[in-house]
PDB file of N, CA and C in Angstrom:
ATOM      1  N   UNK A   1       3.577 -14.431 -12.850  1.00  0.00           N
ATOM      2  CA  UNK A   1       4.890 -14.387 -12.244  1.00  0.00           C
ATOM      3  C   UNK A   1       5.115 -12.992 -11.669  1.00  0.00           C
ATOM      4  N   UNK A   2       5.795 -12.940 -10.587  1.00  0.00           N
ATOM      5  CA  UNK A   2       5.967 -11.677  -9.874  1.00  0.00           C
ATOM      6  C   UNK A   2       7.312 -11.031 -10.170  1.00  0.00           C
ATOM      7  N   UNK A   3       7.324  -9.713 -10.088  1.00  0.00           N
ATOM      8  CA  UNK A   3       8.557  -8.964 -10.204  1.00  0.00           C
ATOM      9  C   UNK A   3       9.439  -9.316  -9.020  1.00  0.00           C
ATOM     10  N   UNK A   4      10.747  -9.399  -9.235  1.00  0.00           N
ATOM     11  CA  UNK A   4      11.673  -9.814  -8.187  1.00  0.00           C
ATOM     12  C   UNK A   4      12.789  -8.788  -8.016  1.00  0.00           C
ATOM     13  N   UNK A   5      12.562  -7.742  -7.249  1.00  0.00           N
ATOM     14  CA  UNK A   5      13.531  -6.666  -7.124  1.00  0.00           C
ATOM     15  C   UNK A   5      14.816  -7.057  -6.404  1.00  0.00           C
ATOM     16  N   UNK A   6      14.822  -8.137  -5.637  1.00  0.00           N
ATOM     17  CA  UNK A   6      16.009  -8.504  -4.861  1.00  0.00           C
ATOM     18  C   UNK A   6      16.689  -9.770  -5.371  1.00  0.00           C
ATOM     19  N   UNK A   7      16.343 -10.226  -6.568  1.00  0.00           N
ATOM     20  CA  UNK A   7      16.920 -11.464  -7.092  1.00  0.00           C
ATOM     21  C   UNK A   7      17.234 -11.314  -8.573  1.00  0.00           C
ATOM     22  N   UNK A   8      18.130 -12.169  -9.071  1.00  0.00           N
ATOM     23  CA  UNK A   8      18.476 -12.133 -10.488  1.00  0.00           C
ATOM     24  C   UNK A   8      17.504 -12.990 -11.300  1.00  0.00           C
ATOM     25  N   UNK A   9      17.813 -13.197 -12.582  1.00  0.00           N
ATOM     26  CA  UNK A   9      16.902 -13.916 -13.476  1.00  0.00           C
ATOM     27  C   UNK A   9      16.831 -15.414 -13.215  1.00  0.00           C
ATOM     28  N   UNK A  10      17.658 -15.940 -12.300  1.00  0.00           N
ATOM     29  CA  UNK A  10      17.581 -17.362 -11.982  1.00  0.00           C
ATOM     30  C   UNK A  10      16.522 -17.643 -10.916  1.00  0.00           C
ATOM     31  N   UNK A  11      15.852 -16.597 -10.434  1.00  0.00           N
ATOM     32  CA  UNK A  11      14.834 -16.728  -9.400  1.00  0.00           C
ATOM     33  C   UNK A  11      13.509 -16.197  -9.938  1.00  0.00           C
ATOM     34  N   UNK A  12      12.440 -16.950  -9.710  1.00  0.00           N
ATOM     35  CA  UNK A  12      11.121 -16.513 -10.128  1.00  0.00           C
ATOM     36  C   UNK A  12      10.163 -16.737  -8.971  1.00  0.00           C
ATOM     37  N   UNK A  13       9.328 -15.761  -8.690  1.00  0.00           N
ATOM     38  CA  UNK A  13       8.317 -15.906  -7.644  1.00  0.00           C
ATOM     39  C   UNK A  13       6.960 -16.115  -8.291  1.00  0.00           C
ATOM     40  N   UNK A  14       6.202 -17.042  -7.757  1.00  0.00           N
ATOM     41  CA  UNK A  14       4.883 -17.376  -8.274  1.00  0.00           C
ATOM     42  C   UNK A  14       3.876 -17.288  -7.137  1.00  0.00           C
ATOM     43  N   UNK A  15       2.962 -16.363  -7.232  1.00  0.00           N
ATOM     44  CA  UNK A  15       1.918 -16.224  -6.204  1.00  0.00           C
ATOM     45  C   UNK A  15       0.829 -17.246  -6.471  1.00  0.00           C
ATOM     46  N   UNK A  16       0.507 -18.053  -5.472  1.00  0.00           N
ATOM     47  CA  UNK A  16      -0.530 -19.070  -5.643  1.00  0.00           C
ATOM     48  C   UNK A  16      -1.767 -18.795  -4.791  1.00  0.00           C
ATOM     49  N   UNK A  17      -1.693 -17.843  -3.898  1.00  0.00           N
ATOM     50  CA  UNK A  17      -2.845 -17.454  -3.082  1.00  0.00           C
ATOM     51  C   UNK A  17      -2.889 -15.936  -2.983  1.00  0.00           C
ATOM     52  N   UNK A  18      -4.062 -15.401  -2.685  1.00  0.00           N
ATOM     53  CA  UNK A  18      -4.210 -13.955  -2.559  1.00  0.00           C
ATOM     54  C   UNK A  18      -4.741 -13.597  -1.180  1.00  0.00           C
ATOM     55  N   UNK A  19      -4.863 -12.322  -0.939  1.00  0.00           N
ATOM     56  CA  UNK A  19      -5.348 -11.833   0.360  1.00  0.00           C
ATOM     57  C   UNK A  19      -6.771 -12.293   0.657  1.00  0.00           C
ATOM     58  N   UNK A  20      -7.494 -12.703  -0.358  1.00  0.00           N
ATOM     59  CA  UNK A  20      -8.885 -13.116  -0.170  1.00  0.00           C
ATOM     60  C   UNK A  20      -9.028 -14.578   0.264  1.00  0.00           C
ATOM     61  N   UNK A  21      -7.921 -15.324   0.283  1.00  0.00           N
ATOM     62  CA  UNK A  21      -7.958 -16.719   0.709  1.00  0.00           C
ATOM     63  C   UNK A  21      -7.781 -16.776   2.216  1.00  0.00           C
ATOM     64  N   UNK A  22      -8.779 -17.297   2.918  1.00  0.00           N
ATOM     65  CA  UNK A  22      -8.741 -17.359   4.378  1.00  0.00           C
ATOM     66  C   UNK A  22      -8.864 -18.804   4.832  1.00  0.00           C
ATOM     67  N   UNK A  23      -8.421 -19.081   6.025  1.00  0.00           N
ATOM     68  CA  UNK A  23      -8.515 -20.423   6.580  1.00  0.00           C
ATOM     69  C   UNK A  23      -7.443 -21.334   6.027  1.00  0.00           C
ATOM     70  N   UNK A  24      -7.503 -22.576   6.442  1.00  0.00           N
ATOM     71  CA  UNK A  24      -6.507 -23.552   5.998  1.00  0.00           C
ATOM     72  C   UNK A  24      -6.666 -23.811   4.509  1.00  0.00           C
ATOM     73  N   UNK A  25      -5.562 -23.824   3.817  1.00  0.00           N
ATOM     74  CA  UNK A  25      -5.551 -24.100   2.388  1.00  0.00           C
ATOM     75  C   UNK A  25      -4.595 -25.251   2.119  1.00  0.00           C
ATOM     76  N   UNK A  26      -4.946 -26.101   1.204  1.00  0.00           N
ATOM     77  CA  UNK A  26      -4.085 -27.189   0.772  1.00  0.00           C
ATOM     78  C   UNK A  26      -3.656 -26.864  -0.651  1.00  0.00           C
ATOM     79  N   UNK A  27      -2.391 -26.942  -0.926  1.00  0.00           N
ATOM     80  CA  UNK A  27      -1.892 -26.568  -2.252  1.00  0.00           C
ATOM     81  C   UNK A  27      -1.160 -27.741  -2.871  1.00  0.00           C
ATOM     82  N   UNK A  28      -1.460 -28.026  -4.133  1.00  0.00           N
ATOM     83  CA  UNK A  28      -0.757 -29.055  -4.885  1.00  0.00           C
ATOM     84  C   UNK A  28      -0.274 -28.412  -6.173  1.00  0.00           C
ATOM     85  N   UNK A  29       1.028 -28.484  -6.426  1.00  0.00           N
ATOM     86  CA  UNK A  29       1.606 -27.832  -7.593  1.00  0.00           C
ATOM     87  C   UNK A  29       2.320 -28.841  -8.471  1.00  0.00           C
ATOM     88  N   UNK A  30       2.319 -28.607  -9.759  1.00  0.00           N
ATOM     89  CA  UNK A  30       3.143 -29.346 -10.713  1.00  0.00           C
ATOM     90  C   UNK A  30       4.391 -28.490 -10.920  1.00  0.00           C
ATOM     91  N   UNK A  31       5.456 -28.776 -10.180  1.00  0.00           N
ATOM     92  CA  UNK A  31       6.646 -27.932 -10.218  1.00  0.00           C
ATOM     93  C   UNK A  31       7.295 -27.903 -11.592  1.00  0.00           C
ATOM     94  N   UNK A  32       7.250 -29.020 -12.308  1.00  0.00           N
ATOM     95  CA  UNK A  32       7.819 -29.041 -13.668  1.00  0.00           C
ATOM     96  C   UNK A  32       7.063 -28.072 -14.582  1.00  0.00           C
ATOM     97  N   UNK A  33       5.732 -28.068 -14.512  1.00  0.00           N
ATOM     98  CA  UNK A  33       4.927 -27.154 -15.330  1.00  0.00           C
ATOM     99  C   UNK A  33       5.147 -25.704 -14.900  1.00  0.00           C
ATOM    100  N   UNK A  34       5.245 -25.464 -13.583  1.00  0.00           N
ATOM    101  CA  UNK A  34       5.531 -24.109 -13.100  1.00  0.00           C
ATOM    102  C   UNK A  34       6.871 -23.621 -13.634  1.00  0.00           C
ATOM    103  N   UNK A  35       7.867 -24.491 -13.609  1.00  0.00           N
ATOM    104  CA  UNK A  35       9.208 -24.141 -14.107  1.00  0.00           C
ATOM    105  C   UNK A  35       9.153 -23.825 -15.600  1.00  0.00           C
ATOM    106  N   UNK A  36       8.490 -24.676 -16.366  1.00  0.00           N
ATOM    107  CA  UNK A  36       8.387 -24.456 -17.809  1.00  0.00           C
ATOM    108  C   UNK A  36       7.678 -23.135 -18.103  1.00  0.00           C
ATOM    109  N   UNK A  37       6.658 -22.812 -17.334  1.00  0.00           N
ATOM    110  CA  UNK A  37       5.939 -21.548 -17.514  1.00  0.00           C
ATOM    111  C   UNK A  37       6.832 -20.350 -17.178  1.00  0.00           C
ATOM    112  N   UNK A  38       7.626 -20.477 -16.136  1.00  0.00           N
ATOM    113  CA  UNK A  38       8.472 -19.367 -15.695  1.00  0.00           C
ATOM    114  C   UNK A  38       9.689 -19.156 -16.584  1.00  0.00           C
ATOM    115  N   UNK A  39      10.338 -20.255 -16.998  1.00  0.00           N
ATOM    116  CA  UNK A  39      11.619 -20.140 -17.696  1.00  0.00           C
ATOM    117  C   UNK A  39      11.596 -20.616 -19.141  1.00  0.00           C
ATOM    118  N   UNK A  40      10.492 -21.234 -19.580  1.00  0.00           N
ATOM    119  CA  UNK A  40      10.388 -21.673 -20.960  1.00  0.00           C
ATOM    120  C   UNK A  40      11.242 -22.872 -21.313  1.00  0.00           C
ATOM    121  N   UNK A  41      11.638 -23.655 -20.329  1.00  0.00           N
ATOM    122  CA  UNK A  41      12.454 -24.841 -20.590  1.00  0.00           C
ATOM    123  C   UNK A  41      12.128 -25.916 -19.564  1.00  0.00           C
ATOM    124  N   UNK A  42      12.554 -27.140 -19.868  1.00  0.00           N
ATOM    125  CA  UNK A  42      12.342 -28.251 -18.946  1.00  0.00           C
ATOM    126  C   UNK A  42      13.469 -28.268 -17.927  1.00  0.00           C
ATOM    127  N   UNK A  43      13.153 -28.383 -16.635  1.00  0.00           N
ATOM    128  CA  UNK A  43      14.207 -28.379 -15.620  1.00  0.00           C
ATOM    129  C   UNK A  43      14.977 -29.700 -15.587  1.00  0.00           C
ATOM    130  N   UNK A  44      16.274 -29.605 -15.275  1.00  0.00           N
ATOM    131  CA  UNK A  44      17.095 -30.802 -15.079  1.00  0.00           C
ATOM    132  C   UNK A  44      16.868 -31.371 -13.685  1.00  0.00           C
ATOM    133  N   UNK A  45      16.915 -30.488 -12.685  1.00  0.00           N
ATOM    134  CA  UNK A  45      16.735 -30.906 -11.302  1.00  0.00           C
ATOM    135  C   UNK A  45      16.253 -29.714 -10.488  1.00  0.00           C
ATOM    136  N   UNK A  46      15.702 -30.006  -9.343  1.00  0.00           N
ATOM    137  CA  UNK A  46      15.238 -28.965  -8.436  1.00  0.00           C
ATOM    138  C   UNK A  46      16.359 -28.672  -7.444  1.00  0.00           C
ATOM    139  N   UNK A  47      16.843 -27.432  -7.433  1.00  0.00           N
ATOM    140  CA  UNK A  47      17.926 -27.047  -6.524  1.00  0.00           C
ATOM    141  C   UNK A  47      17.388 -26.539  -5.192  1.00  0.00           C
ATOM    142  N   UNK A  48      16.307 -25.788  -5.232  1.00  0.00           N
ATOM    143  CA  UNK A  48      15.764 -25.206  -4.005  1.00  0.00           C
ATOM    144  C   UNK A  48      14.327 -24.768  -4.246  1.00  0.00           C
ATOM    145  N   UNK A  49      13.595 -24.678  -3.166  1.00  0.00           N
ATOM    146  CA  UNK A  49      12.240 -24.142  -3.206  1.00  0.00           C
ATOM    147  C   UNK A  49      12.043 -23.324  -1.937  1.00  0.00           C
ATOM    148  N   UNK A  50      11.332 -22.225  -2.046  1.00  0.00           N
ATOM    149  CA  UNK A  50      11.068 -21.380  -0.882  1.00  0.00           C
ATOM    150  C   UNK A  50       9.573 -21.141  -0.772  1.00  0.00           C
ATOM    151  N   UNK A  51       9.083 -21.141   0.441  1.00  0.00           N
ATOM    152  CA  UNK A  51       7.694 -20.797   0.714  1.00  0.00           C
ATOM    153  C   UNK A  51       7.715 -19.468   1.455  1.00  0.00           C
ATOM    154  N   UNK A  52       6.941 -18.525   0.974  1.00  0.00           N
ATOM    155  CA  UNK A  52       6.986 -17.193   1.568  1.00  0.00           C
ATOM    156  C   UNK A  52       5.583 -16.667   1.804  1.00  0.00           C
ATOM    157  N   UNK A  53       5.454 -15.866   2.826  1.00  0.00           N
ATOM    158  CA  UNK A  53       4.235 -15.135   3.114  1.00  0.00           C
ATOM    159  C   UNK A  53       4.624 -13.671   3.108  1.00  0.00           C
ATOM    160  N   UNK A  54       3.950 -12.863   2.304  1.00  0.00           N
ATOM    161  CA  UNK A  54       4.435 -11.521   2.030  1.00  0.00           C
ATOM    162  C   UNK A  54       3.275 -10.534   2.013  1.00  0.00           C
ATOM    163  N   UNK A  55       3.474  -9.390   2.625  1.00  0.00           N
ATOM    164  CA  UNK A  55       2.460  -8.335   2.559  1.00  0.00           C
ATOM    165  C   UNK A  55       3.098  -6.953   2.448  1.00  0.00           C
ATOM    166  N   UNK A  56       4.402  -6.893   2.167  1.00  0.00           N
ATOM    167  CA  UNK A  56       5.071  -5.593   2.164  1.00  0.00           C
ATOM    168  C   UNK A  56       4.591  -4.657   1.061  1.00  0.00           C
ATOM    169  N   UNK A  57       4.218  -5.175  -0.102  1.00  0.00           N
ATOM    170  CA  UNK A  57       3.762  -4.299  -1.185  1.00  0.00           C
ATOM    171  C   UNK A  57       2.386  -3.695  -0.909  1.00  0.00           C
ATOM    172  N   UNK A  58       1.605  -4.344  -0.048  1.00  0.00           N
ATOM    173  CA  UNK A  58       0.271  -3.831   0.275  1.00  0.00           C
ATOM    174  C   UNK A  58       0.266  -3.051   1.587  1.00  0.00           C
ATOM    175  N   UNK A  59       1.428  -2.959   2.226  1.00  0.00           N
ATOM    176  CA  UNK A  59       1.553  -2.291   3.527  1.00  0.00           C
ATOM    177  C   UNK A  59       0.601  -2.895   4.553  1.00  0.00           C
ATOM    178  N   UNK A  60       0.336  -4.178   4.429  1.00  0.00           N
ATOM    179  CA  UNK A  60      -0.570  -4.854   5.342  1.00  0.00           C
ATOM    180  C   UNK A  60       0.183  -5.732   6.318  1.00  0.00           C
ATOM    181  N   UNK A  61      -0.577  -6.521   7.041  1.00  0.00           N
ATOM    182  CA  UNK A  61      -0.022  -7.503   7.957  1.00  0.00           C
ATOM    183  C   UNK A  61      -0.612  -8.850   7.604  1.00  0.00           C
ATOM    184  N   UNK A  62       0.168  -9.881   7.791  1.00  0.00           N
ATOM    185  CA  UNK A  62      -0.320 -11.223   7.506  1.00  0.00           C
ATOM    186  C   UNK A  62       0.358 -12.227   8.421  1.00  0.00           C
ATOM    187  N   UNK A  63      -0.212 -13.399   8.481  1.00  0.00           N
ATOM    188  CA  UNK A  63       0.355 -14.475   9.280  1.00  0.00           C
ATOM    189  C   UNK A  63       0.074 -15.767   8.537  1.00  0.00           C
ATOM    190  N   UNK A  64       1.036 -16.671   8.554  1.00  0.00           N
ATOM    191  CA  UNK A  64       0.837 -17.956   7.889  1.00  0.00           C
ATOM    192  C   UNK A  64       1.489 -19.057   8.700  1.00  0.00           C
ATOM    193  N   UNK A  65       0.914 -20.230   8.618  1.00  0.00           N
ATOM    194  CA  UNK A  65       1.471 -21.427   9.223  1.00  0.00           C
ATOM    195  C   UNK A  65       1.613 -22.451   8.112  1.00  0.00           C
ATOM    196  N   UNK A  66       2.749 -23.106   8.043  1.00  0.00           N
ATOM    197  CA  UNK A  66       2.986 -24.117   7.026  1.00  0.00           C
ATOM    198  C   UNK A  66       3.017 -25.489   7.682  1.00  0.00           C
ATOM    199  N   UNK A  67       2.295 -26.426   7.111  1.00  0.00           N
ATOM    200  CA  UNK A  67       2.282 -27.800   7.616  1.00  0.00           C
ATOM    201  C   UNK A  67       3.332 -28.624   6.891  1.00  0.00           C
ATOM    202  N   UNK A  68       3.134 -29.917   6.887  1.00  0.00           N
ATOM    203  CA  UNK A  68       4.072 -30.820   6.231  1.00  0.00           C
ATOM    204  C   UNK A  68       4.158 -30.507   4.740  1.00  0.00           C
ATOM    205  N   UNK A  69       5.358 -30.522   4.229  1.00  0.00           N
ATOM    206  CA  UNK A  69       5.609 -30.299   2.801  1.00  0.00           C
ATOM    207  C   UNK A  69       6.234 -31.569   2.258  1.00  0.00           C
ATOM    208  N   UNK A  70       5.682 -32.103   1.181  1.00  0.00           N
ATOM    209  CA  UNK A  70       6.233 -33.301   0.601  1.00  0.00           C
ATOM    210  C   UNK A  70       6.135 -33.250  -0.906  1.00  0.00           C
ATOM    211  N   UNK A  71       6.973 -34.042  -1.548  1.00  0.00           N
ATOM    212  CA  UNK A  71       7.045 -34.085  -2.999  1.00  0.00           C
ATOM    213  C   UNK A  71       6.735 -35.501  -3.453  1.00  0.00           C
ATOM    214  N   UNK A  72       6.064 -35.603  -4.603  1.00  0.00           N
ATOM    215  CA  UNK A  72       5.770 -36.915  -5.167  1.00  0.00           C
ATOM    216  C   UNK A  72       5.967 -36.835  -6.678  1.00  0.00           C
ATOM    217  N   UNK A  73       6.001 -37.976  -7.310  1.00  0.00           N
ATOM    218  CA  UNK A  73       6.210 -38.019  -8.757  1.00  0.00           C
ATOM    219  C   UNK A  73       4.928 -37.922  -9.542  1.00  0.00           C
ATOM    220  N   UNK A  74       3.792 -37.781  -8.878  1.00  0.00           N
ATOM    221  CA  UNK A  74       2.526 -37.651  -9.621  1.00  0.00           C
ATOM    222  C   UNK A  74       1.728 -36.480  -9.132  1.00  0.00           C
TER     223      UNK A  74
END
């Protein structure tokens, strides 16, 4: 879990890729398990999700393209 200097304790950032990952990537996450890992409890509902591409801490440059995002129960 990442430090969050601009958010309170209700926000948690989770890095799932690093600078060494190149090319198209497909990501599948268990959001309930991620939530339990971050907050130590079972979530009631999902209020929001954000996808971010960030390089400010490394003083680098990056570019990302996001395709279709969908949620499923499995």
